[in-house]
Amino acid sequence: LLFVDGEDYGPTPADMLLGAKHFARTVPRDDRPLYGVLVD
């Protein structure tokens, strides 16, 4: 269960989705899930 921060900071896309971007950059390649489901 991943609770990401900074999704909605904004006001432009450059300063949004920040937690998801950080997770995507740093998740080890050998520790990735089968797939993901986002609820919003």
PDB file of all heavy atoms in Angstrom:
ATOM      1  N   LEU A   1       0.861  -1.179   0.000  1.00  0.00           N
ATOM      2  CA  LEU A   1       0.000   0.000   0.000  1.00  0.00           C
ATOM      3  C   LEU A   1       0.895   1.225   0.000  1.00  0.00           C
ATOM      4  O   LEU A   1       1.645   1.456   0.956  1.00  0.00           O
ATOM      5  CB  LEU A   1      -0.907   0.005   1.230  1.00  0.00           C
ATOM      6  CG  LEU A   1      -1.832  -1.200   1.408  1.00  0.00           C
ATOM      7  CD1 LEU A   1      -2.659  -1.049   2.676  1.00  0.00           C
ATOM      8  CD2 LEU A   1      -2.745  -1.379   0.203  1.00  0.00           C
ATOM      9  N   LEU A   2       0.832   2.009  -1.053  1.00  0.00           N
ATOM     10  CA  LEU A   2       1.698   3.176  -1.206  1.00  0.00           C
ATOM     11  C   LEU A   2       0.878   4.459  -1.116  1.00  0.00           C
ATOM     12  O   LEU A   2      -0.018   4.690  -1.930  1.00  0.00           O
ATOM     13  CB  LEU A   2       2.431   3.111  -2.540  1.00  0.00           C
ATOM     14  CG  LEU A   2       3.326   4.307  -2.878  1.00  0.00           C
ATOM     15  CD1 LEU A   2       4.437   4.479  -1.850  1.00  0.00           C
ATOM     16  CD2 LEU A   2       3.905   4.155  -4.290  1.00  0.00           C
ATOM     17  N   PHE A   3       1.192   5.264  -0.109  1.00  0.00           N
ATOM     18  CA  PHE A   3       0.547   6.562   0.080  1.00  0.00           C
ATOM     19  C   PHE A   3       1.549   7.629  -0.358  1.00  0.00           C
ATOM     20  O   PHE A   3       2.542   7.874   0.323  1.00  0.00           O
ATOM     21  CB  PHE A   3       0.162   6.754   1.550  1.00  0.00           C
ATOM     22  CG  PHE A   3      -0.731   5.664   2.104  1.00  0.00           C
ATOM     23  CD1 PHE A   3      -0.195   4.477   2.569  1.00  0.00           C
ATOM     24  CD2 PHE A   3      -2.114   5.832   2.147  1.00  0.00           C
ATOM     25  CE1 PHE A   3      -1.008   3.463   3.087  1.00  0.00           C
ATOM     26  CE2 PHE A   3      -2.938   4.838   2.653  1.00  0.00           C
ATOM     27  CZ  PHE A   3      -2.384   3.651   3.124  1.00  0.00           C
ATOM     28  N   VAL A   4       1.290   8.236  -1.510  1.00  0.00           N
ATOM     29  CA  VAL A   4       2.255   9.175  -2.072  1.00  0.00           C
ATOM     30  C   VAL A   4       1.906  10.607  -1.678  1.00  0.00           C
ATOM     31  O   VAL A   4       0.746  10.984  -1.551  1.00  0.00           O
ATOM     32  CB  VAL A   4       2.368   9.051  -3.609  1.00  0.00           C
ATOM     33  CG1 VAL A   4       3.003   7.739  -3.995  1.00  0.00           C
ATOM     34  CG2 VAL A   4       1.018   9.219  -4.284  1.00  0.00           C
ATOM     35  N   ASP A   5       2.936  11.386  -1.492  1.00  0.00           N
ATOM     36  CA  ASP A   5       2.829  12.784  -1.079  1.00  0.00           C
ATOM     37  C   ASP A   5       3.050  13.681  -2.295  1.00  0.00           C
ATOM     38  O   ASP A   5       3.566  13.250  -3.328  1.00  0.00           O
ATOM     39  CB  ASP A   5       3.894  13.058  -0.007  1.00  0.00           C
ATOM     40  CG  ASP A   5       3.559  14.232   0.901  1.00  0.00           C
ATOM     41  OD1 ASP A   5       2.581  14.957   0.623  1.00  0.00           O
ATOM     42  OD2 ASP A   5       4.288  14.412   1.899  1.00  0.00           O
ATOM     43  N   GLY A   6       2.623  14.929  -2.185  1.00  0.00           N
ATOM     44  CA  GLY A   6       2.942  15.927  -3.192  1.00  0.00           C
ATOM     45  C   GLY A   6       2.284  15.745  -4.542  1.00  0.00           C
ATOM     46  O   GLY A   6       2.734  16.310  -5.536  1.00  0.00           O
ATOM     47  N   GLU A   7       1.194  14.992  -4.598  1.00  0.00           N
ATOM     48  CA  GLU A   7       0.502  14.818  -5.888  1.00  0.00           C
ATOM     49  C   GLU A   7      -0.098  16.122  -6.373  1.00  0.00           C
ATOM     50  O   GLU A   7      -0.096  16.423  -7.564  1.00  0.00           O
ATOM     51  CB  GLU A   7      -0.599  13.751  -5.733  1.00  0.00           C
ATOM     52  CG  GLU A   7      -1.288  13.365  -7.039  1.00  0.00           C
ATOM     53  CD  GLU A   7      -2.552  14.171  -7.326  1.00  0.00           C
ATOM     54  OE1 GLU A   7      -2.951  14.995  -6.485  1.00  0.00           O
ATOM     55  OE2 GLU A   7      -3.129  13.973  -8.411  1.00  0.00           O
ATOM     56  N   ASP A   8      -0.611  16.900  -5.452  1.00  0.00           N
ATOM     57  CA  ASP A   8      -1.473  18.022  -5.830  1.00  0.00           C
ATOM     58  C   ASP A   8      -0.866  19.387  -5.535  1.00  0.00           C
ATOM     59  O   ASP A   8      -1.581  20.374  -5.471  1.00  0.00           O
ATOM     60  CB  ASP A   8      -2.811  17.895  -5.083  1.00  0.00           C
ATOM     61  CG  ASP A   8      -4.007  18.154  -5.991  1.00  0.00           C
ATOM     62  OD1 ASP A   8      -3.797  18.456  -7.177  1.00  0.00           O
ATOM     63  OD2 ASP A   8      -5.146  18.037  -5.501  1.00  0.00           O
ATOM     64  N   TYR A   9       0.461  19.463  -5.352  1.00  0.00           N
ATOM     65  CA  TYR A   9       1.041  20.736  -4.911  1.00  0.00           C
ATOM     66  C   TYR A   9       0.845  21.819  -5.973  1.00  0.00           C
ATOM     67  O   TYR A   9       0.199  22.817  -5.741  1.00  0.00           O
ATOM     68  CB  TYR A   9       2.520  20.567  -4.549  1.00  0.00           C
ATOM     69  CG  TYR A   9       3.012  21.666  -3.647  1.00  0.00           C
ATOM     70  CD1 TYR A   9       2.915  21.542  -2.270  1.00  0.00           C
ATOM     71  CD2 TYR A   9       3.549  22.839  -4.171  1.00  0.00           C
ATOM     72  CE1 TYR A   9       3.339  22.553  -1.427  1.00  0.00           C
ATOM     73  CE2 TYR A   9       3.975  23.862  -3.346  1.00  0.00           C
ATOM     74  CZ  TYR A   9       3.868  23.717  -1.971  1.00  0.00           C
ATOM     75  OH  TYR A   9       4.278  24.731  -1.144  1.00  0.00           O
ATOM     76  N   GLY A  10       1.409  21.644  -7.117  1.00  0.00           N
ATOM     77  CA  GLY A  10       1.168  22.532  -8.252  1.00  0.00           C
ATOM     78  C   GLY A  10       1.765  23.929  -8.123  1.00  0.00           C
ATOM     79  O   GLY A  10       2.675  24.156  -7.354  1.00  0.00           O
ATOM     80  N   PRO A  11       1.199  24.872  -8.904  1.00  0.00           N
ATOM     81  CA  PRO A  11      -0.024  24.698  -9.696  1.00  0.00           C
ATOM     82  C   PRO A  11       0.161  24.028 -11.050  1.00  0.00           C
ATOM     83  O   PRO A  11      -0.813  23.652 -11.687  1.00  0.00           O
ATOM     84  CB  PRO A  11      -0.505  26.137  -9.895  1.00  0.00           C
ATOM     85  CG  PRO A  11       0.747  26.953  -9.915  1.00  0.00           C
ATOM     86  CD  PRO A  11       1.677  26.280  -8.935  1.00  0.00           C
ATOM     87  N   THR A  12       1.406  23.862 -11.516  1.00  0.00           N
ATOM     88  CA  THR A  12       1.623  23.279 -12.836  1.00  0.00           C
ATOM     89  C   THR A  12       2.126  21.847 -12.695  1.00  0.00           C
ATOM     90  O   THR A  12       2.595  21.432 -11.629  1.00  0.00           O
ATOM     91  CB  THR A  12       2.654  24.110 -13.629  1.00  0.00           C
ATOM     92  OG1 THR A  12       3.933  23.978 -12.980  1.00  0.00           O
ATOM     93  CG2 THR A  12       2.243  25.573 -13.694  1.00  0.00           C
ATOM     94  N   PRO A  13       2.071  21.058 -13.768  1.00  0.00           N
ATOM     95  CA  PRO A  13       2.524  19.665 -13.692  1.00  0.00           C
ATOM     96  C   PRO A  13       3.973  19.499 -13.244  1.00  0.00           C
ATOM     97  O   PRO A  13       4.321  18.443 -12.713  1.00  0.00           O
ATOM     98  CB  PRO A  13       2.324  19.162 -15.131  1.00  0.00           C
ATOM     99  CG  PRO A  13       1.192  19.990 -15.656  1.00  0.00           C
ATOM    100  CD  PRO A  13       1.397  21.344 -15.062  1.00  0.00           C
ATOM    101  N   ALA A  14       4.805  20.512 -13.438  1.00  0.00           N
ATOM    102  CA  ALA A  14       6.198  20.402 -13.003  1.00  0.00           C
ATOM    103  C   ALA A  14       6.313  20.207 -11.496  1.00  0.00           C
ATOM    104  O   ALA A  14       7.314  19.659 -11.012  1.00  0.00           O
ATOM    105  CB  ALA A  14       6.976  21.652 -13.426  1.00  0.00           C
ATOM    106  N   ASP A  15       5.305  20.644 -10.768  1.00  0.00           N
ATOM    107  CA  ASP A  15       5.340  20.571  -9.308  1.00  0.00           C
ATOM    108  C   ASP A  15       4.176  19.736  -8.772  1.00  0.00           C
ATOM    109  O   ASP A  15       3.636  20.006  -7.700  1.00  0.00           O
ATOM    110  CB  ASP A  15       5.304  21.986  -8.719  1.00  0.00           C
ATOM    111  CG  ASP A  15       6.471  22.824  -9.212  1.00  0.00           C
ATOM    112  OD1 ASP A  15       7.624  22.437  -8.934  1.00  0.00           O
ATOM    113  OD2 ASP A  15       6.234  23.833  -9.909  1.00  0.00           O
ATOM    114  N   MET A  16       3.816  18.704  -9.517  1.00  0.00           N
ATOM    115  CA  MET A  16       2.768  17.769  -9.122  1.00  0.00           C
ATOM    116  C   MET A  16       3.264  16.336  -9.303  1.00  0.00           C
ATOM    117  O   MET A  16       4.329  16.109  -9.882  1.00  0.00           O
ATOM    118  CB  MET A  16       1.490  18.009  -9.948  1.00  0.00           C
ATOM    119  CG  MET A  16       0.869  19.383  -9.732  1.00  0.00           C
ATOM    120  SD  MET A  16      -0.545  19.716 -10.826  1.00  0.00           S
ATOM    121  CE  MET A  16      -1.716  18.480 -10.238  1.00  0.00           C
ATOM    122  N   LEU A  17       2.531  15.386  -8.778  1.00  0.00           N
ATOM    123  CA  LEU A  17       2.877  13.954  -8.854  1.00  0.00           C
ATOM    124  C   LEU A  17       4.258  13.697  -8.246  1.00  0.00           C
ATOM    125  O   LEU A  17       4.980  12.777  -8.662  1.00  0.00           O
ATOM    126  CB  LEU A  17       2.848  13.453 -10.308  1.00  0.00           C
ATOM    127  CG  LEU A  17       1.684  13.878 -11.196  1.00  0.00           C
ATOM    128  CD1 LEU A  17       1.828  13.242 -12.578  1.00  0.00           C
ATOM    129  CD2 LEU A  17       0.354  13.533 -10.587  1.00  0.00           C
ATOM    130  N   LEU A  18       4.624  14.473  -7.235  1.00  0.00           N
ATOM    131  CA  LEU A  18       6.003  14.462  -6.747  1.00  0.00           C
ATOM    132  C   LEU A  18       6.356  13.144  -6.060  1.00  0.00           C
ATOM    133  O   LEU A  18       7.440  12.600  -6.260  1.00  0.00           O
ATOM    134  CB  LEU A  18       6.221  15.642  -5.805  1.00  0.00           C
ATOM    135  CG  LEU A  18       5.953  17.025  -6.444  1.00  0.00           C
ATOM    136  CD1 LEU A  18       6.089  18.127  -5.410  1.00  0.00           C
ATOM    137  CD2 LEU A  18       6.895  17.264  -7.621  1.00  0.00           C
ATOM    138  N   GLY A  19       5.451  12.631  -5.230  1.00  0.00           N
ATOM    139  CA  GLY A  19       5.724  11.367  -4.569  1.00  0.00           C
ATOM    140  C   GLY A  19       5.792  10.199  -5.533  1.00  0.00           C
ATOM    141  O   GLY A  19       6.629   9.300  -5.390  1.00  0.00           O
ATOM    142  N   ALA A  20       4.903  10.196  -6.517  1.00  0.00           N
ATOM    143  CA  ALA A  20       4.917   9.128  -7.517  1.00  0.00           C
ATOM    144  C   ALA A  20       6.186   9.188  -8.354  1.00  0.00           C
ATOM    145  O   ALA A  20       6.789   8.154  -8.682  1.00  0.00           O
ATOM    146  CB  ALA A  20       3.679   9.234  -8.409  1.00  0.00           C
ATOM    147  N   LYS A  21       6.618  10.393  -8.703  1.00  0.00           N
ATOM    148  CA  LYS A  21       7.859  10.543  -9.466  1.00  0.00           C
ATOM    149  C   LYS A  21       9.053  10.042  -8.657  1.00  0.00           C
ATOM    150  O   LYS A  21       9.945   9.370  -9.192  1.00  0.00           O
ATOM    151  CB  LYS A  21       8.053  12.005  -9.866  1.00  0.00           C
ATOM    152  CG  LYS A  21       7.067  12.521 -10.898  1.00  0.00           C
ATOM    153  CD  LYS A  21       7.246  14.023 -11.118  1.00  0.00           C
ATOM    154  CE  LYS A  21       6.239  14.577 -12.114  1.00  0.00           C
ATOM    155  NZ  LYS A  21       6.345  16.052 -12.275  1.00  0.00           N
ATOM    156  N   HIS A  22       9.070  10.374  -7.356  1.00  0.00           N
ATOM    157  CA  HIS A  22      10.177   9.920  -6.514  1.00  0.00           C
ATOM    158  C   HIS A  22      10.185   8.398  -6.409  1.00  0.00           C
ATOM    159  O   HIS A  22      11.249   7.768  -6.524  1.00  0.00           O
ATOM    160  CB  HIS A  22      10.059  10.546  -5.118  1.00  0.00           C
ATOM    161  CG  HIS A  22      11.169  10.136  -4.199  1.00  0.00           C
ATOM    162  ND1 HIS A  22      12.420  10.705  -4.252  1.00  0.00           N
ATOM    163  CD2 HIS A  22      11.217   9.184  -3.224  1.00  0.00           C
ATOM    164  CE1 HIS A  22      13.199  10.135  -3.340  1.00  0.00           C
ATOM    165  NE2 HIS A  22      12.490   9.212  -2.709  1.00  0.00           N
ATOM    166  N   PHE A  23       9.023   7.807  -6.196  1.00  0.00           N
ATOM    167  CA  PHE A  23       8.940   6.352  -6.116  1.00  0.00           C
ATOM    168  C   PHE A  23       9.408   5.717  -7.418  1.00  0.00           C
ATOM    169  O   PHE A  23      10.184   4.745  -7.408  1.00  0.00           O
ATOM    170  CB  PHE A  23       7.512   5.924  -5.804  1.00  0.00           C
ATOM    171  CG  PHE A  23       7.310   4.432  -5.807  1.00  0.00           C
ATOM    172  CD1 PHE A  23       7.700   3.661  -4.721  1.00  0.00           C
ATOM    173  CD2 PHE A  23       6.724   3.795  -6.896  1.00  0.00           C
ATOM    174  CE1 PHE A  23       7.521   2.277  -4.719  1.00  0.00           C
ATOM    175  CE2 PHE A  23       6.542   2.426  -6.911  1.00  0.00           C
ATOM    176  CZ  PHE A  23       6.945   1.660  -5.818  1.00  0.00           C
ATOM    177  N   ALA A  24       8.950   6.240  -8.554  1.00  0.00           N
ATOM    178  CA  ALA A  24       9.315   5.672  -9.849  1.00  0.00           C
ATOM    179  C   ALA A  24      10.821   5.758 -10.094  1.00  0.00           C
ATOM    180  O   ALA A  24      11.414   4.844 -10.686  1.00  0.00           O
ATOM    181  CB  ALA A  24       8.550   6.388 -10.965  1.00  0.00           C
ATOM    182  N   ARG A  25      11.445   6.832  -9.622  1.00  0.00           N
ATOM    183  CA  ARG A  25      12.895   6.993  -9.807  1.00  0.00           C
ATOM    184  C   ARG A  25      13.707   6.051  -8.930  1.00  0.00           C
ATOM    185  O   ARG A  25      14.820   5.658  -9.297  1.00  0.00           O
ATOM    186  CB  ARG A  25      13.324   8.436  -9.477  1.00  0.00           C
ATOM    187  CG  ARG A  25      12.985   9.480 -10.504  1.00  0.00           C
ATOM    188  CD  ARG A  25      13.761  10.759 -10.237  1.00  0.00           C
ATOM    189  NE  ARG A  25      13.548  11.270  -8.880  1.00  0.00           N
ATOM    190  CZ  ARG A  25      12.623  12.156  -8.543  1.00  0.00           C
ATOM    191  NH1 ARG A  25      11.792  12.612  -9.475  1.00  0.00           N
ATOM    192  NH2 ARG A  25      12.516  12.576  -7.293  1.00  0.00           N
ATOM    193  N   THR A  26      13.181   5.716  -7.769  1.00  0.00           N
ATOM    194  CA  THR A  26      13.997   5.046  -6.759  1.00  0.00           C
ATOM    195  C   THR A  26      13.640   3.587  -6.495  1.00  0.00           C
ATOM    196  O   THR A  26      14.416   2.895  -5.826  1.00  0.00           O
ATOM    197  CB  THR A  26      13.908   5.816  -5.423  1.00  0.00           C
ATOM    198  OG1 THR A  26      12.535   5.871  -4.988  1.00  0.00           O
ATOM    199  CG2 THR A  26      14.447   7.234  -5.586  1.00  0.00           C
ATOM    200  N   VAL A  27      12.511   3.092  -6.958  1.00  0.00           N
ATOM    201  CA  VAL A  27      12.137   1.702  -6.671  1.00  0.00           C
ATOM    202  C   VAL A  27      13.140   0.763  -7.340  1.00  0.00           C
ATOM    203  O   VAL A  27      13.433   0.898  -8.536  1.00  0.00           O
ATOM    204  CB  VAL A  27      10.692   1.403  -7.133  1.00  0.00           C
ATOM    205  CG1 VAL A  27      10.514   1.607  -8.636  1.00  0.00           C
ATOM    206  CG2 VAL A  27      10.281  -0.004  -6.718  1.00  0.00           C
ATOM    207  N   PRO A  28      13.718  -0.173  -6.587  1.00  0.00           N
ATOM    208  CA  PRO A  28      14.680  -1.102  -7.192  1.00  0.00           C
ATOM    209  C   PRO A  28      14.031  -1.948  -8.283  1.00  0.00           C
ATOM    210  O   PRO A  28      12.879  -2.373  -8.156  1.00  0.00           O
ATOM    211  CB  PRO A  28      15.130  -1.973  -6.012  1.00  0.00           C
ATOM    212  CG  PRO A  28      14.831  -1.159  -4.791  1.00  0.00           C
ATOM    213  CD  PRO A  28      13.591  -0.377  -5.136  1.00  0.00           C
ATOM    214  N   ARG A  29      14.765  -2.203  -9.328  1.00  0.00           N
ATOM    215  CA  ARG A  29      14.216  -2.970 -10.442  1.00  0.00           C
ATOM    216  C   ARG A  29      13.849  -4.389 -10.025  1.00  0.00           C
ATOM    217  O   ARG A  29      12.915  -4.977 -10.581  1.00  0.00           O
ATOM    218  CB  ARG A  29      15.228  -2.992 -11.602  1.00  0.00           C
ATOM    219  CG  ARG A  29      14.702  -3.642 -12.873  1.00  0.00           C
ATOM    220  CD  ARG A  29      15.563  -3.298 -14.055  1.00  0.00           C
ATOM    221  NE  ARG A  29      15.449  -1.895 -14.397  1.00  0.00           N
ATOM    222  CZ  ARG A  29      14.493  -1.385 -15.164  1.00  0.00           C
ATOM    223  NH1 ARG A  29      13.544  -2.182 -15.641  1.00  0.00           N
ATOM    224  NH2 ARG A  29      14.468  -0.112 -15.446  1.00  0.00           N
ATOM    225  N   ASP A  30      14.554  -4.939  -9.025  1.00  0.00           N
ATOM    226  CA  ASP A  30      14.256  -6.305  -8.590  1.00  0.00           C
ATOM    227  C   ASP A  30      13.223  -6.338  -7.468  1.00  0.00           C
ATOM    228  O   ASP A  30      12.990  -7.396  -6.884  1.00  0.00           O
ATOM    229  CB  ASP A  30      15.536  -7.012  -8.141  1.00  0.00           C
ATOM    230  CG  ASP A  30      16.208  -6.324  -6.950  1.00  0.00           C
ATOM    231  OD1 ASP A  30      15.741  -5.240  -6.548  1.00  0.00           O
ATOM    232  OD2 ASP A  30      17.197  -6.872  -6.431  1.00  0.00           O
ATOM    233  N   ASP A  31      12.587  -5.201  -7.173  1.00  0.00           N
ATOM    234  CA  ASP A  31      11.588  -5.157  -6.102  1.00  0.00           C
ATOM    235  C   ASP A  31      10.299  -4.501  -6.595  1.00  0.00           C
ATOM    236  O   ASP A  31       9.618  -3.801  -5.851  1.00  0.00           O
ATOM    237  CB  ASP A  31      12.151  -4.399  -4.901  1.00  0.00           C
ATOM    238  CG  ASP A  31      11.307  -4.605  -3.640  1.00  0.00           C
ATOM    239  OD1 ASP A  31      10.709  -5.689  -3.493  1.00  0.00           O
ATOM    240  OD2 ASP A  31      11.237  -3.668  -2.816  1.00  0.00           O
ATOM    241  N   ARG A  32       9.987  -4.722  -7.854  1.00  0.00           N
ATOM    242  CA  ARG A  32       8.815  -4.085  -8.440  1.00  0.00           C
ATOM    243  C   ARG A  32       7.586  -4.997  -8.337  1.00  0.00           C
ATOM    244  O   ARG A  32       7.713  -6.215  -8.383  1.00  0.00           O
ATOM    245  CB  ARG A  32       9.071  -3.729  -9.907  1.00  0.00           C
ATOM    246  CG  ARG A  32      10.136  -2.661 -10.071  1.00  0.00           C
ATOM    247  CD  ARG A  32      10.291  -2.224 -11.500  1.00  0.00           C
ATOM    248  NE  ARG A  32      11.154  -1.065 -11.618  1.00  0.00           N
ATOM    249  CZ  ARG A  32      11.310  -0.363 -12.729  1.00  0.00           C
ATOM    250  NH1 ARG A  32      10.658  -0.726 -13.837  1.00  0.00           N
ATOM    251  NH2 ARG A  32      12.102   0.684 -12.753  1.00  0.00           N
ATOM    252  N   PRO A  33       6.416  -4.380  -8.213  1.00  0.00           N
ATOM    253  CA  PRO A  33       5.196  -5.188  -8.139  1.00  0.00           C
ATOM    254  C   PRO A  33       4.805  -5.747  -9.494  1.00  0.00           C
ATOM    255  O   PRO A  33       5.317  -5.322 -10.539  1.00  0.00           O
ATOM    256  CB  PRO A  33       4.150  -4.177  -7.651  1.00  0.00           C
ATOM    257  CG  PRO A  33       4.631  -2.872  -8.221  1.00  0.00           C
ATOM    258  CD  PRO A  33       6.130  -2.939  -8.142  1.00  0.00           C
ATOM    259  N   LEU A  34       3.889  -6.701  -9.439  1.00  0.00           N
ATOM    260  CA  LEU A  34       3.324  -7.269 -10.665  1.00  0.00           C
ATOM    261  C   LEU A  34       2.657  -6.176 -11.497  1.00  0.00           C
ATOM    262  O   LEU A  34       2.860  -6.064 -12.704  1.00  0.00           O
ATOM    263  CB  LEU A  34       2.300  -8.340 -10.286  1.00  0.00           C
ATOM    264  CG  LEU A  34       1.724  -9.240 -11.352  1.00  0.00           C
ATOM    265  CD1 LEU A  34       2.813 -10.136 -11.927  1.00  0.00           C
ATOM    266  CD2 LEU A  34       0.587 -10.074 -10.776  1.00  0.00           C
ATOM    267  N   TYR A  35       1.871  -5.343 -10.831  1.00  0.00           N
ATOM    268  CA  TYR A  35       1.250  -4.178 -11.443  1.00  0.00           C
ATOM    269  C   TYR A  35       0.686  -3.306 -10.330  1.00  0.00           C
ATOM    270  O   TYR A  35       0.728  -3.673  -9.150  1.00  0.00           O
ATOM    271  CB  TYR A  35       0.164  -4.561 -12.459  1.00  0.00           C
ATOM    272  CG  TYR A  35      -1.037  -5.300 -11.893  1.00  0.00           C
ATOM    273  CD1 TYR A  35      -2.137  -4.610 -11.388  1.00  0.00           C
ATOM    274  CD2 TYR A  35      -1.093  -6.696 -11.912  1.00  0.00           C
ATOM    275  CE1 TYR A  35      -3.246  -5.288 -10.887  1.00  0.00           C
ATOM    276  CE2 TYR A  35      -2.190  -7.376 -11.420  1.00  0.00           C
ATOM    277  CZ  TYR A  35      -3.266  -6.670 -10.905  1.00  0.00           C
ATOM    278  OH  TYR A  35      -4.360  -7.332 -10.408  1.00  0.00           O
ATOM    279  N   GLY A  36       0.184  -2.137 -10.709  1.00  0.00           N
ATOM    280  CA  GLY A  36      -0.331  -1.204  -9.719  1.00  0.00           C
ATOM    281  C   GLY A  36      -1.739  -0.733 -10.047  1.00  0.00           C
ATOM    282  O   GLY A  36      -2.150  -0.706 -11.213  1.00  0.00           O
ATOM    283  N   VAL A  37      -2.471  -0.365  -8.988  1.00  0.00           N
ATOM    284  CA  VAL A  37      -3.805   0.229  -9.122  1.00  0.00           C
ATOM    285  C   VAL A  37      -3.838   1.481  -8.260  1.00  0.00           C
ATOM    286  O   VAL A  37      -3.626   1.420  -7.053  1.00  0.00           O
ATOM    287  CB  VAL A  37      -4.922  -0.732  -8.680  1.00  0.00           C
ATOM    288  CG1 VAL A  37      -6.294  -0.051  -8.796  1.00  0.00           C
ATOM    289  CG2 VAL A  37      -4.894  -2.019  -9.490  1.00  0.00           C
ATOM    290  N   LEU A  38      -4.075   2.613  -8.896  1.00  0.00           N
ATOM    291  CA  LEU A  38      -4.222   3.895  -8.212  1.00  0.00           C
ATOM    292  C   LEU A  38      -5.698   4.179  -7.998  1.00  0.00           C
ATOM    293  O   LEU A  38      -6.516   3.953  -8.902  1.00  0.00           O
ATOM    294  CB  LEU A  38      -3.601   5.000  -9.075  1.00  0.00           C
ATOM    295  CG  LEU A  38      -3.880   6.454  -8.694  1.00  0.00           C
ATOM    296  CD1 LEU A  38      -3.253   6.811  -7.351  1.00  0.00           C
ATOM    297  CD2 LEU A  38      -3.373   7.392  -9.791  1.00  0.00           C
ATOM    298  N   VAL A  39      -6.060   4.664  -6.797  1.00  0.00           N
ATOM    299  CA  VAL A  39      -7.429   5.120  -6.553  1.00  0.00           C
ATOM    300  C   VAL A  39      -7.374   6.595  -6.180  1.00  0.00           C
ATOM    301  O   VAL A  39      -6.627   7.006  -5.301  1.00  0.00           O
ATOM    302  CB  VAL A  39      -8.136   4.292  -5.452  1.00  0.00           C
ATOM    303  CG1 VAL A  39      -8.497   2.921  -5.986  1.00  0.00           C
ATOM    304  CG2 VAL A  39      -7.286   4.145  -4.197  1.00  0.00           C
ATOM    305  N   ASP A  40      -8.187   7.400  -6.870  1.00  0.00           N
ATOM    306  CA  ASP A  40      -8.185   8.848  -6.677  1.00  0.00           C
ATOM    307  C   ASP A  40      -9.587   9.369  -6.981  1.00  0.00           C
ATOM    308  O   ASP A  40     -10.211   8.941  -7.955  1.00  0.00           O
ATOM    309  CB  ASP A  40      -7.154   9.487  -7.620  1.00  0.00           C
ATOM    310  CG  ASP A  40      -6.860  10.941  -7.295  1.00  0.00           C
ATOM    311  OD1 ASP A  40      -7.332  11.438  -6.249  1.00  0.00           O
ATOM    312  OD2 ASP A  40      -6.151  11.590  -8.090  1.00  0.00           O
TER     313      ASP A  40
END
